[in-house]
Amino acid sequence: MAESEESKLVAQVLGGDHDAFAELVRRHHAEIIGLCVSMLRDASLAEDAAQEAFLKAFRSLEKFRKDSSFSTWLYRIASNTCLDHLRRKSRDRSQSLEALQENEEKRVRELFAAKPIFPIADEDADLLERVLAALPEDCRLILTLREIQGLDYEELSESLDCSLYAVKGRLKRARQNLERIARHFYKSGDV
C-alpha cells in the first residue's frame, strides 16, 4: 500500500473513523500473522499476538510519529508483542512434548500461507521449518522480516529500533547461522 494511502487512513482513524482502522488491519493482517507465526511457532498464539498487536496499535495510534511507515511501526509493535509472549511462555513450561512437536509441524506451512515474498515448494517447507526452528529468536525475527516479509534495511532499522550498521551485522550473523544449521540438516540426511 502506498504511504499516502496509509497516512490518509491513519488520519481518518485519528478523526474517529473506526472503519479506516479496519481497512488498515485488513491490508496488513497476513504479514503480521506471518511474522507472529514465525516468531511464536504456534498458530493460535500467533493469532492472539497479532490481535493484541493491532489492539495496541489502535490504542497508541496518536503516538505514531509518521517518520516511518505505518507498516514498519506495526511490525515493531507485533515483534515486541511476540517477544512478550515468548517471555511469558518461557516462564510457563507446562506444554507437553507432543504439543510442541505438533505445533512445530504446522508452523512453516502457516507462515508461508501468509503471502511470502518468494514461492517455496512443499518439500522444501519441512526443511525450512526445521532450520528456522533451530535458529535463536533474534535470528529468526530478522530473517523473517527481511527474507519473508520483504522489509528493506531502513524498515528493519526502524522495526528493530537499531542502527543500519546493527541491522547489517545482525542480518549477516543470522544468515551465517542459517547456513550453518542448514548444512547440518543436509549432512544428517534429514532432507
N, C-alpha and C. Protein backbone atom coordinates (compact mmCIF):
# COMPACT_ATOMS: atom_id res chain seq x y z
N MET A 1 0.86 -1.17 0.00
CA MET A 1 0.00 0.00 0.00
C MET A 1 0.90 1.22 0.00
N ALA A 2 0.50 2.23 -0.74
CA ALA A 2 1.27 3.47 -0.79
C ALA A 2 1.20 4.17 0.56
N GLU A 3 2.32 4.82 0.91
CA GLU A 3 2.37 5.50 2.21
C GLU A 3 1.31 6.59 2.31
N SER A 4 1.00 7.25 1.19
CA SER A 4 -0.01 8.30 1.24
C SER A 4 -1.38 7.71 1.59
N GLU A 5 -1.68 6.52 1.09
CA GLU A 5 -2.93 5.85 1.45
C GLU A 5 -2.95 5.52 2.94
N GLU A 6 -1.82 4.99 3.43
CA GLU A 6 -1.72 4.68 4.86
C GLU A 6 -1.90 5.94 5.68
N SER A 7 -1.26 7.02 5.28
CA SER A 7 -1.36 8.28 6.02
C SER A 7 -2.80 8.78 6.06
N LYS A 8 -3.49 8.66 4.94
CA LYS A 8 -4.90 9.08 4.90
C LYS A 8 -5.74 8.23 5.85
N LEU A 9 -5.50 6.92 5.81
CA LEU A 9 -6.27 6.03 6.69
C LEU A 9 -5.98 6.32 8.16
N VAL A 10 -4.69 6.55 8.48
CA VAL A 10 -4.33 6.88 9.86
C VAL A 10 -5.02 8.17 10.30
N ALA A 11 -5.02 9.18 9.43
CA ALA A 11 -5.67 10.45 9.74
C ALA A 11 -7.18 10.24 9.95
N GLN A 12 -7.78 9.38 9.14
CA GLN A 12 -9.21 9.10 9.29
C GLN A 12 -9.50 8.43 10.64
N VAL A 13 -8.62 7.48 11.02
CA VAL A 13 -8.80 6.80 12.31
C VAL A 13 -8.69 7.81 13.44
N LEU A 14 -7.68 8.68 13.37
CA LEU A 14 -7.50 9.69 14.41
C LEU A 14 -8.67 10.66 14.46
N GLY A 15 -9.36 10.79 13.33
CA GLY A 15 -10.55 11.63 13.27
C GLY A 15 -11.81 10.92 13.74
N GLY A 16 -11.69 9.65 14.14
CA GLY A 16 -12.82 8.92 14.69
C GLY A 16 -13.43 7.88 13.78
N ASP A 17 -12.88 7.68 12.60
CA ASP A 17 -13.41 6.70 11.65
C ASP A 17 -12.80 5.32 11.94
N HIS A 18 -13.51 4.50 12.68
CA HIS A 18 -13.01 3.18 13.05
C HIS A 18 -12.97 2.21 11.87
N ASP A 19 -13.79 2.47 10.85
CA ASP A 19 -13.75 1.63 9.66
C ASP A 19 -12.41 1.77 8.94
N ALA A 20 -11.79 2.93 9.04
CA ALA A 20 -10.48 3.12 8.41
C ALA A 20 -9.44 2.23 9.08
N PHE A 21 -9.54 2.04 10.39
CA PHE A 21 -8.60 1.14 11.06
C PHE A 21 -8.85 -0.30 10.64
N ALA A 22 -10.12 -0.66 10.45
CA ALA A 22 -10.44 -2.00 9.97
C ALA A 22 -9.79 -2.23 8.60
N GLU A 23 -9.73 -1.21 7.78
CA GLU A 23 -9.08 -1.32 6.48
C GLU A 23 -7.56 -1.52 6.64
N LEU A 24 -6.95 -0.80 7.58
CA LEU A 24 -5.52 -0.99 7.85
C LEU A 24 -5.25 -2.42 8.32
N VAL A 25 -6.10 -2.92 9.19
CA VAL A 25 -5.95 -4.30 9.68
C VAL A 25 -6.07 -5.27 8.52
N ARG A 26 -7.08 -5.07 7.69
CA ARG A 26 -7.29 -5.97 6.55
C ARG A 26 -6.07 -6.00 5.63
N ARG A 27 -5.47 -4.85 5.40
CA ARG A 27 -4.33 -4.76 4.49
C ARG A 27 -3.05 -5.34 5.07
N HIS A 28 -2.92 -5.35 6.37
CA HIS A 28 -1.66 -5.80 7.00
C HIS A 28 -1.78 -7.12 7.76
N HIS A 29 -2.96 -7.68 7.82
CA HIS A 29 -3.20 -8.87 8.63
C HIS A 29 -2.30 -10.04 8.23
N ALA A 30 -2.22 -10.35 6.95
CA ALA A 30 -1.44 -11.52 6.51
C ALA A 30 0.03 -11.39 6.89
N GLU A 31 0.61 -10.21 6.70
CA GLU A 31 2.01 -10.02 7.03
C GLU A 31 2.26 -10.11 8.53
N ILE A 32 1.37 -9.55 9.33
CA ILE A 32 1.53 -9.58 10.78
C ILE A 32 1.36 -11.01 11.30
N ILE A 33 0.39 -11.72 10.76
CA ILE A 33 0.21 -13.13 11.15
C ILE A 33 1.46 -13.92 10.77
N GLY A 34 2.00 -13.70 9.59
CA GLY A 34 3.21 -14.40 9.17
C GLY A 34 4.37 -14.14 10.11
N LEU A 35 4.54 -12.90 10.51
CA LEU A 35 5.59 -12.56 11.45
C LEU A 35 5.37 -13.26 12.79
N CYS A 36 4.14 -13.21 13.29
CA CYS A 36 3.84 -13.81 14.59
C CYS A 36 4.01 -15.33 14.57
N VAL A 37 3.58 -15.97 13.49
CA VAL A 37 3.75 -17.42 13.38
C VAL A 37 5.24 -17.77 13.35
N SER A 38 6.00 -16.98 12.62
CA SER A 38 7.44 -17.23 12.55
C SER A 38 8.10 -17.12 13.91
N MET A 39 7.71 -16.14 14.67
CA MET A 39 8.34 -15.94 15.98
C MET A 39 7.82 -16.89 17.05
N LEU A 40 6.52 -17.15 17.04
CA LEU A 40 5.91 -17.93 18.13
C LEU A 40 5.80 -19.42 17.83
N ARG A 41 5.81 -19.77 16.56
CA ARG A 41 5.73 -21.16 16.13
C ARG A 41 4.48 -21.87 16.64
N ASP A 42 3.40 -21.14 16.74
CA ASP A 42 2.13 -21.69 17.19
C ASP A 42 1.03 -20.82 16.59
N ALA A 43 0.15 -21.43 15.80
CA ALA A 43 -0.86 -20.66 15.08
C ALA A 43 -1.83 -19.93 16.00
N SER A 44 -2.27 -20.59 17.06
CA SER A 44 -3.24 -19.94 17.93
C SER A 44 -2.59 -18.81 18.73
N LEU A 45 -1.36 -19.01 19.19
CA LEU A 45 -0.64 -17.94 19.87
C LEU A 45 -0.37 -16.78 18.91
N ALA A 46 -0.04 -17.12 17.68
CA ALA A 46 0.24 -16.09 16.67
C ALA A 46 -1.00 -15.25 16.41
N GLU A 47 -2.14 -15.89 16.33
CA GLU A 47 -3.40 -15.17 16.11
C GLU A 47 -3.67 -14.23 17.28
N ASP A 48 -3.46 -14.73 18.50
CA ASP A 48 -3.65 -13.89 19.69
C ASP A 48 -2.69 -12.71 19.70
N ALA A 49 -1.43 -12.98 19.37
CA ALA A 49 -0.42 -11.92 19.38
C ALA A 49 -0.72 -10.88 18.31
N ALA A 50 -1.15 -11.32 17.13
CA ALA A 50 -1.49 -10.38 16.06
C ALA A 50 -2.67 -9.50 16.49
N GLN A 51 -3.68 -10.12 17.07
CA GLN A 51 -4.83 -9.36 17.54
C GLN A 51 -4.41 -8.35 18.61
N GLU A 52 -3.55 -8.79 19.52
CA GLU A 52 -3.05 -7.90 20.57
C GLU A 52 -2.24 -6.75 19.97
N ALA A 53 -1.43 -7.06 18.96
CA ALA A 53 -0.61 -6.02 18.31
C ALA A 53 -1.50 -4.97 17.63
N PHE A 54 -2.54 -5.42 16.94
CA PHE A 54 -3.45 -4.47 16.30
C PHE A 54 -4.18 -3.62 17.35
N LEU A 55 -4.55 -4.24 18.44
CA LEU A 55 -5.22 -3.50 19.51
C LEU A 55 -4.28 -2.46 20.11
N LYS A 56 -3.02 -2.84 20.34
CA LYS A 56 -2.03 -1.89 20.86
C LYS A 56 -1.82 -0.75 19.87
N ALA A 57 -1.76 -1.08 18.59
CA ALA A 57 -1.58 -0.05 17.57
C ALA A 57 -2.76 0.93 17.58
N PHE A 58 -3.96 0.39 17.68
CA PHE A 58 -5.14 1.25 17.70
C PHE A 58 -5.11 2.18 18.91
N ARG A 59 -4.80 1.61 20.06
CA ARG A 59 -4.80 2.40 21.30
C ARG A 59 -3.71 3.47 21.34
N SER A 60 -2.61 3.22 20.63
CA SER A 60 -1.50 4.18 20.69
C SER A 60 -1.28 4.89 19.36
N LEU A 61 -2.27 4.90 18.50
CA LEU A 61 -2.13 5.49 17.18
C LEU A 61 -1.77 6.97 17.25
N GLU A 62 -2.26 7.67 18.26
CA GLU A 62 -1.91 9.10 18.38
C GLU A 62 -0.42 9.30 18.66
N LYS A 63 0.26 8.24 19.10
CA LYS A 63 1.71 8.33 19.35
C LYS A 63 2.53 8.04 18.08
N PHE A 64 1.87 7.59 17.03
CA PHE A 64 2.55 7.29 15.77
C PHE A 64 3.13 8.58 15.21
N ARG A 65 4.46 8.62 15.08
CA ARG A 65 5.15 9.86 14.71
C ARG A 65 5.17 10.12 13.20
N LYS A 66 4.84 9.17 12.41
CA LYS A 66 4.78 9.31 10.95
C LYS A 66 6.14 9.57 10.31
N ASP A 67 7.24 9.38 11.07
CA ASP A 67 8.56 9.50 10.45
C ASP A 67 8.97 8.15 9.84
N SER A 68 8.14 7.13 10.04
CA SER A 68 8.31 5.86 9.36
C SER A 68 6.94 5.46 8.83
N SER A 69 6.88 4.42 8.05
CA SER A 69 5.59 3.99 7.52
C SER A 69 4.77 3.32 8.62
N PHE A 70 3.48 3.30 8.44
CA PHE A 70 2.60 2.65 9.40
C PHE A 70 2.95 1.17 9.51
N SER A 71 3.25 0.53 8.37
CA SER A 71 3.56 -0.91 8.40
C SER A 71 4.82 -1.19 9.21
N THR A 72 5.83 -0.35 9.08
CA THR A 72 7.05 -0.52 9.86
C THR A 72 6.77 -0.38 11.34
N TRP A 73 5.99 0.62 11.69
CA TRP A 73 5.60 0.85 13.08
C TRP A 73 4.81 -0.36 13.61
N LEU A 74 3.92 -0.89 12.78
CA LEU A 74 3.11 -2.04 13.16
C LEU A 74 3.98 -3.29 13.33
N TYR A 75 4.97 -3.48 12.45
CA TYR A 75 5.89 -4.62 12.60
C TYR A 75 6.60 -4.56 13.96
N ARG A 76 6.99 -3.36 14.34
CA ARG A 76 7.69 -3.22 15.62
C ARG A 76 6.77 -3.58 16.78
N ILE A 77 5.55 -3.11 16.74
CA ILE A 77 4.59 -3.45 17.79
C ILE A 77 4.37 -4.96 17.82
N ALA A 78 4.19 -5.57 16.66
CA ALA A 78 3.94 -7.02 16.58
C ALA A 78 5.14 -7.82 17.08
N SER A 79 6.35 -7.42 16.69
CA SER A 79 7.52 -8.18 17.14
C SER A 79 7.71 -8.03 18.64
N ASN A 80 7.47 -6.85 19.19
CA ASN A 80 7.56 -6.67 20.64
C ASN A 80 6.48 -7.48 21.36
N THR A 81 5.30 -7.53 20.80
CA THR A 81 4.22 -8.33 21.38
C THR A 81 4.60 -9.81 21.39
N CYS A 82 5.18 -10.28 20.31
CA CYS A 82 5.62 -11.68 20.25
C CYS A 82 6.71 -11.96 21.26
N LEU A 83 7.64 -11.04 21.39
CA LEU A 83 8.70 -11.22 22.39
C LEU A 83 8.11 -11.30 23.79
N ASP A 84 7.11 -10.47 24.07
CA ASP A 84 6.42 -10.54 25.37
C ASP A 84 5.78 -11.91 25.57
N HIS A 85 5.13 -12.43 24.53
CA HIS A 85 4.52 -13.76 24.61
C HIS A 85 5.58 -14.84 24.87
N LEU A 86 6.71 -14.72 24.19
CA LEU A 86 7.78 -15.70 24.39
C LEU A 86 8.33 -15.65 25.81
N ARG A 87 8.44 -14.46 26.36
CA ARG A 87 8.91 -14.34 27.75
C ARG A 87 7.93 -15.00 28.70
N ARG A 88 6.65 -14.75 28.48
CA ARG A 88 5.62 -15.38 29.33
C ARG A 88 5.65 -16.89 29.17
N LYS A 89 5.83 -17.33 27.93
CA LYS A 89 5.84 -18.76 27.65
C LYS A 89 7.04 -19.44 28.31
N SER A 90 8.17 -18.76 28.34
CA SER A 90 9.35 -19.36 28.95
C SER A 90 9.16 -19.52 30.46
N ARG A 91 8.32 -18.69 31.04
CA ARG A 91 8.01 -18.82 32.47
C ARG A 91 7.05 -19.98 32.72
N ASP A 92 6.25 -20.29 31.73
CA ASP A 92 5.27 -21.36 31.88
C ASP A 92 5.63 -22.51 30.95
N ARG A 93 6.37 -23.44 31.46
CA ARG A 93 6.86 -24.57 30.65
C ARG A 93 5.96 -25.79 30.80
N SER A 94 4.66 -25.57 30.83
CA SER A 94 3.75 -26.68 31.07
C SER A 94 3.32 -27.41 29.80
N GLN A 95 3.77 -26.94 28.63
CA GLN A 95 3.40 -27.62 27.39
C GLN A 95 4.05 -28.99 27.32
N SER A 96 3.32 -29.94 26.83
CA SER A 96 3.86 -31.29 26.68
C SER A 96 4.74 -31.38 25.44
N LEU A 97 5.58 -32.38 25.39
CA LEU A 97 6.45 -32.60 24.24
C LEU A 97 5.63 -32.86 22.98
N GLU A 98 4.53 -33.61 23.12
CA GLU A 98 3.69 -33.89 21.95
C GLU A 98 3.10 -32.60 21.37
N ALA A 99 2.65 -31.71 22.23
CA ALA A 99 2.07 -30.45 21.77
C ALA A 99 3.11 -29.61 21.07
N LEU A 100 4.33 -29.57 21.61
CA LEU A 100 5.41 -28.81 20.97
C LEU A 100 5.71 -29.37 19.59
N GLN A 101 5.79 -30.69 19.47
CA GLN A 101 6.08 -31.30 18.17
C GLN A 101 4.96 -31.05 17.18
N GLU A 102 3.73 -31.13 17.65
CA GLU A 102 2.57 -30.89 16.79
C GLU A 102 2.57 -29.45 16.28
N ASN A 103 2.85 -28.50 17.16
CA ASN A 103 2.88 -27.09 16.76
C ASN A 103 4.01 -26.83 15.78
N GLU A 104 5.14 -27.45 15.98
CA GLU A 104 6.30 -27.26 15.11
C GLU A 104 6.00 -27.70 13.68
N GLU A 105 5.26 -28.79 13.52
CA GLU A 105 4.95 -29.31 12.19
C GLU A 105 4.06 -28.35 11.40
N LYS A 106 3.19 -27.61 12.08
CA LYS A 106 2.23 -26.72 11.41
C LYS A 106 2.82 -25.36 11.09
N ARG A 107 3.85 -24.95 11.80
CA ARG A 107 4.32 -23.57 11.79
C ARG A 107 4.69 -23.03 10.41
N VAL A 108 5.56 -23.67 9.69
CA VAL A 108 6.03 -23.09 8.43
C VAL A 108 4.94 -23.08 7.36
N ARG A 109 4.13 -24.10 7.33
CA ARG A 109 3.03 -24.10 6.34
C ARG A 109 2.12 -22.89 6.56
N GLU A 110 1.83 -22.59 7.82
CA GLU A 110 1.01 -21.43 8.13
C GLU A 110 1.75 -20.14 7.81
N LEU A 111 3.02 -20.12 8.09
CA LEU A 111 3.84 -18.95 7.80
C LEU A 111 3.80 -18.62 6.32
N PHE A 112 3.98 -19.62 5.47
CA PHE A 112 4.04 -19.36 4.05
C PHE A 112 2.66 -19.24 3.42
N ALA A 113 1.63 -19.59 4.16
CA ALA A 113 0.28 -19.33 3.68
C ALA A 113 -0.03 -17.84 3.79
N ALA A 114 0.76 -17.11 4.56
CA ALA A 114 0.52 -15.68 4.80
C ALA A 114 1.31 -14.83 3.81
N LYS A 115 1.22 -15.15 2.53
CA LYS A 115 1.80 -14.36 1.45
C LYS A 115 3.30 -14.12 1.57
N PRO A 116 4.12 -15.14 1.43
CA PRO A 116 5.56 -14.90 1.43
C PRO A 116 5.96 -14.13 0.17
N ILE A 117 7.12 -13.48 0.22
CA ILE A 117 7.54 -12.72 -0.95
C ILE A 117 8.22 -13.61 -1.98
N PHE A 118 8.49 -14.86 -1.63
CA PHE A 118 9.04 -15.77 -2.60
C PHE A 118 8.31 -17.11 -2.46
N PRO A 119 8.12 -17.83 -3.60
CA PRO A 119 7.41 -19.12 -3.52
C PRO A 119 8.34 -20.19 -2.95
N ILE A 120 7.74 -21.18 -2.30
CA ILE A 120 8.52 -22.28 -1.75
C ILE A 120 7.76 -23.58 -2.01
N ALA A 121 8.48 -24.60 -2.43
CA ALA A 121 7.87 -25.89 -2.69
C ALA A 121 7.54 -26.57 -1.37
N ASP A 122 6.49 -27.41 -1.39
CA ASP A 122 6.07 -28.09 -0.17
C ASP A 122 7.18 -28.94 0.44
N GLU A 123 7.95 -29.60 -0.41
CA GLU A 123 9.01 -30.47 0.11
C GLU A 123 10.13 -29.65 0.77
N ASP A 124 10.29 -28.41 0.37
CA ASP A 124 11.30 -27.55 1.00
C ASP A 124 10.79 -26.91 2.29
N ALA A 125 9.48 -26.85 2.44
CA ALA A 125 8.91 -26.21 3.63
C ALA A 125 9.29 -26.96 4.90
N ASP A 126 9.33 -28.30 4.84
CA ASP A 126 9.71 -29.07 6.03
C ASP A 126 11.13 -28.76 6.47
N LEU A 127 12.03 -28.72 5.50
CA LEU A 127 13.42 -28.41 5.83
C LEU A 127 13.53 -26.99 6.37
N LEU A 128 12.88 -26.05 5.71
CA LEU A 128 12.93 -24.66 6.16
C LEU A 128 12.34 -24.53 7.56
N GLU A 129 11.28 -25.27 7.83
CA GLU A 129 10.66 -25.25 9.15
C GLU A 129 11.65 -25.70 10.22
N ARG A 130 12.35 -26.79 9.96
CA ARG A 130 13.31 -27.30 10.95
C ARG A 130 14.49 -26.37 11.12
N VAL A 131 14.96 -25.78 10.03
CA VAL A 131 16.10 -24.87 10.11
C VAL A 131 15.72 -23.61 10.88
N LEU A 132 14.57 -23.01 10.54
CA LEU A 132 14.12 -21.81 11.26
C LEU A 132 13.89 -22.08 12.74
N ALA A 133 13.36 -23.25 13.05
CA ALA A 133 13.09 -23.58 14.45
C ALA A 133 14.39 -23.71 15.24
N ALA A 134 15.46 -24.07 14.58
CA ALA A 134 16.74 -24.24 15.27
C ALA A 134 17.47 -22.92 15.49
N LEU A 135 17.00 -21.86 14.85
CA LEU A 135 17.66 -20.56 14.99
C LEU A 135 17.27 -19.88 16.30
N PRO A 136 18.15 -19.06 16.86
CA PRO A 136 17.77 -18.24 18.01
C PRO A 136 16.68 -17.24 17.60
N GLU A 137 15.89 -16.78 18.58
CA GLU A 137 14.77 -15.87 18.31
C GLU A 137 15.17 -14.66 17.49
N ASP A 138 16.27 -14.01 17.86
CA ASP A 138 16.65 -12.78 17.16
C ASP A 138 17.00 -13.04 15.71
N CYS A 139 17.62 -14.17 15.43
CA CYS A 139 17.95 -14.52 14.04
C CYS A 139 16.67 -14.83 13.26
N ARG A 140 15.79 -15.58 13.88
CA ARG A 140 14.53 -15.93 13.22
C ARG A 140 13.72 -14.67 12.91
N LEU A 141 13.71 -13.70 13.85
CA LEU A 141 12.96 -12.47 13.65
C LEU A 141 13.51 -11.66 12.48
N ILE A 142 14.80 -11.40 12.45
CA ILE A 142 15.36 -10.55 11.40
C ILE A 142 15.26 -11.22 10.03
N LEU A 143 15.46 -12.54 9.97
CA LEU A 143 15.33 -13.24 8.69
C LEU A 143 13.88 -13.24 8.21
N THR A 144 12.94 -13.38 9.12
CA THR A 144 11.53 -13.35 8.74
C THR A 144 11.16 -11.98 8.20
N LEU A 145 11.58 -10.93 8.91
CA LEU A 145 11.24 -9.59 8.46
C LEU A 145 11.89 -9.27 7.11
N ARG A 146 13.13 -9.67 6.91
CA ARG A 146 13.85 -9.34 5.68
C ARG A 146 13.48 -10.27 4.52
N GLU A 147 13.62 -11.56 4.74
CA GLU A 147 13.51 -12.50 3.63
C GLU A 147 12.08 -12.95 3.34
N ILE A 148 11.23 -12.97 4.35
CA ILE A 148 9.85 -13.43 4.13
C ILE A 148 8.91 -12.25 3.97
N GLN A 149 9.03 -11.26 4.86
CA GLN A 149 8.14 -10.10 4.79
C GLN A 149 8.66 -9.03 3.83
N GLY A 150 9.94 -9.06 3.47
CA GLY A 150 10.47 -8.16 2.46
C GLY A 150 10.82 -6.76 2.92
N LEU A 151 11.04 -6.55 4.22
CA LEU A 151 11.42 -5.22 4.70
C LEU A 151 12.82 -4.87 4.22
N ASP A 152 13.02 -3.59 3.86
CA ASP A 152 14.36 -3.16 3.48
C ASP A 152 15.14 -2.80 4.75
N TYR A 153 16.42 -2.44 4.58
CA TYR A 153 17.29 -2.20 5.74
C TYR A 153 16.78 -1.07 6.62
N GLU A 154 16.28 -0.01 6.00
CA GLU A 154 15.77 1.11 6.81
C GLU A 154 14.53 0.71 7.59
N GLU A 155 13.65 -0.06 6.97
CA GLU A 155 12.47 -0.54 7.69
C GLU A 155 12.86 -1.48 8.82
N LEU A 156 13.87 -2.32 8.57
CA LEU A 156 14.37 -3.20 9.63
C LEU A 156 14.93 -2.37 10.79
N SER A 157 15.68 -1.34 10.46
CA SER A 157 16.26 -0.47 11.48
C SER A 157 15.17 0.15 12.35
N GLU A 158 14.12 0.62 11.73
CA GLU A 158 13.02 1.22 12.47
C GLU A 158 12.24 0.18 13.26
N SER A 159 11.98 -0.97 12.65
CA SER A 159 11.20 -2.02 13.33
C SER A 159 11.94 -2.60 14.52
N LEU A 160 13.25 -2.75 14.38
CA LEU A 160 14.05 -3.37 15.44
C LEU A 160 14.68 -2.34 16.37
N ASP A 161 14.48 -1.05 16.07
CA ASP A 161 15.00 0.04 16.88
C ASP A 161 16.52 -0.06 17.06
N CYS A 162 17.20 -0.14 15.92
CA CYS A 162 18.66 -0.18 15.95
C CYS A 162 19.19 0.51 14.69
N SER A 163 20.49 0.73 14.67
CA SER A 163 21.10 1.43 13.54
C SER A 163 21.15 0.54 12.30
N LEU A 164 21.37 1.16 11.14
CA LEU A 164 21.55 0.39 9.90
C LEU A 164 22.76 -0.53 10.01
N TYR A 165 23.81 -0.03 10.65
CA TYR A 165 25.01 -0.83 10.85
C TYR A 165 24.68 -2.09 11.67
N ALA A 166 23.89 -1.92 12.72
CA ALA A 166 23.50 -3.06 13.55
C ALA A 166 22.62 -4.03 12.76
N VAL A 167 21.72 -3.50 11.93
CA VAL A 167 20.87 -4.35 11.10
C VAL A 167 21.73 -5.22 10.19
N LYS A 168 22.70 -4.61 9.53
CA LYS A 168 23.56 -5.36 8.62
C LYS A 168 24.33 -6.44 9.36
N GLY A 169 24.82 -6.11 10.54
CA GLY A 169 25.55 -7.09 11.34
C GLY A 169 24.66 -8.23 11.81
N ARG A 170 23.48 -7.89 12.29
CA ARG A 170 22.55 -8.92 12.76
C ARG A 170 22.11 -9.82 11.61
N LEU A 171 21.85 -9.21 10.47
CA LEU A 171 21.41 -9.98 9.32
C LEU A 171 22.53 -10.91 8.84
N LYS A 172 23.75 -10.43 8.85
CA LYS A 172 24.88 -11.26 8.45
C LYS A 172 25.03 -12.46 9.39
N ARG A 173 24.95 -12.20 10.71
CA ARG A 173 25.06 -13.30 11.68
C ARG A 173 23.89 -14.27 11.53
N ALA A 174 22.70 -13.75 11.30
CA ALA A 174 21.54 -14.62 11.14
C ALA A 174 21.69 -15.51 9.90
N ARG A 175 22.18 -14.93 8.82
CA ARG A 175 22.37 -15.73 7.60
C ARG A 175 23.47 -16.77 7.79
N GLN A 176 24.52 -16.41 8.52
CA GLN A 176 25.58 -17.38 8.81
C GLN A 176 25.05 -18.53 9.66
N ASN A 177 24.24 -18.19 10.67
CA ASN A 177 23.62 -19.24 11.50
C ASN A 177 22.71 -20.12 10.66
N LEU A 178 21.93 -19.49 9.79
CA LEU A 178 21.03 -20.23 8.92
C LEU A 178 21.82 -21.20 8.04
N GLU A 179 22.89 -20.72 7.45
CA GLU A 179 23.71 -21.56 6.59
C GLU A 179 24.33 -22.72 7.37
N ARG A 180 24.85 -22.42 8.57
CA ARG A 180 25.47 -23.45 9.39
C ARG A 180 24.47 -24.52 9.77
N ILE A 181 23.29 -24.11 10.18
CA ILE A 181 22.26 -25.06 10.59
C ILE A 181 21.75 -25.86 9.39
N ALA A 182 21.57 -25.19 8.25
CA ALA A 182 21.10 -25.88 7.05
C ALA A 182 22.10 -26.95 6.61
N ARG A 183 23.40 -26.62 6.71
CA ARG A 183 24.43 -27.62 6.37
C ARG A 183 24.31 -28.84 7.27
N HIS A 184 24.04 -28.62 8.54
CA HIS A 184 23.88 -29.71 9.49
C HIS A 184 22.73 -30.63 9.05
N PHE A 185 21.62 -30.05 8.64
CA PHE A 185 20.49 -30.85 8.20
C PHE A 185 20.81 -31.62 6.93
N TYR A 186 21.54 -30.99 6.01
CA TYR A 186 21.91 -31.68 4.77
C TYR A 186 22.87 -32.82 5.06
N LYS A 187 23.83 -32.62 5.95
CA LYS A 187 24.80 -33.68 6.29
C LYS A 187 24.16 -34.83 7.02
N SER A 188 23.12 -34.52 7.84
CA SER A 188 22.50 -35.59 8.62
C SER A 188 21.54 -36.43 7.77
N GLY A 189 21.29 -36.00 6.53
CA GLY A 189 20.40 -36.76 5.67
C GLY A 189 18.93 -36.53 5.99
N ASP A 190 18.63 -35.51 6.75
CA ASP A 190 17.25 -35.21 7.14
C ASP A 190 16.53 -34.36 6.12
N VAL A 191 16.88 -34.44 4.88
CA VAL A 191 16.29 -33.58 3.88
C VAL A 191 15.05 -34.20 3.30
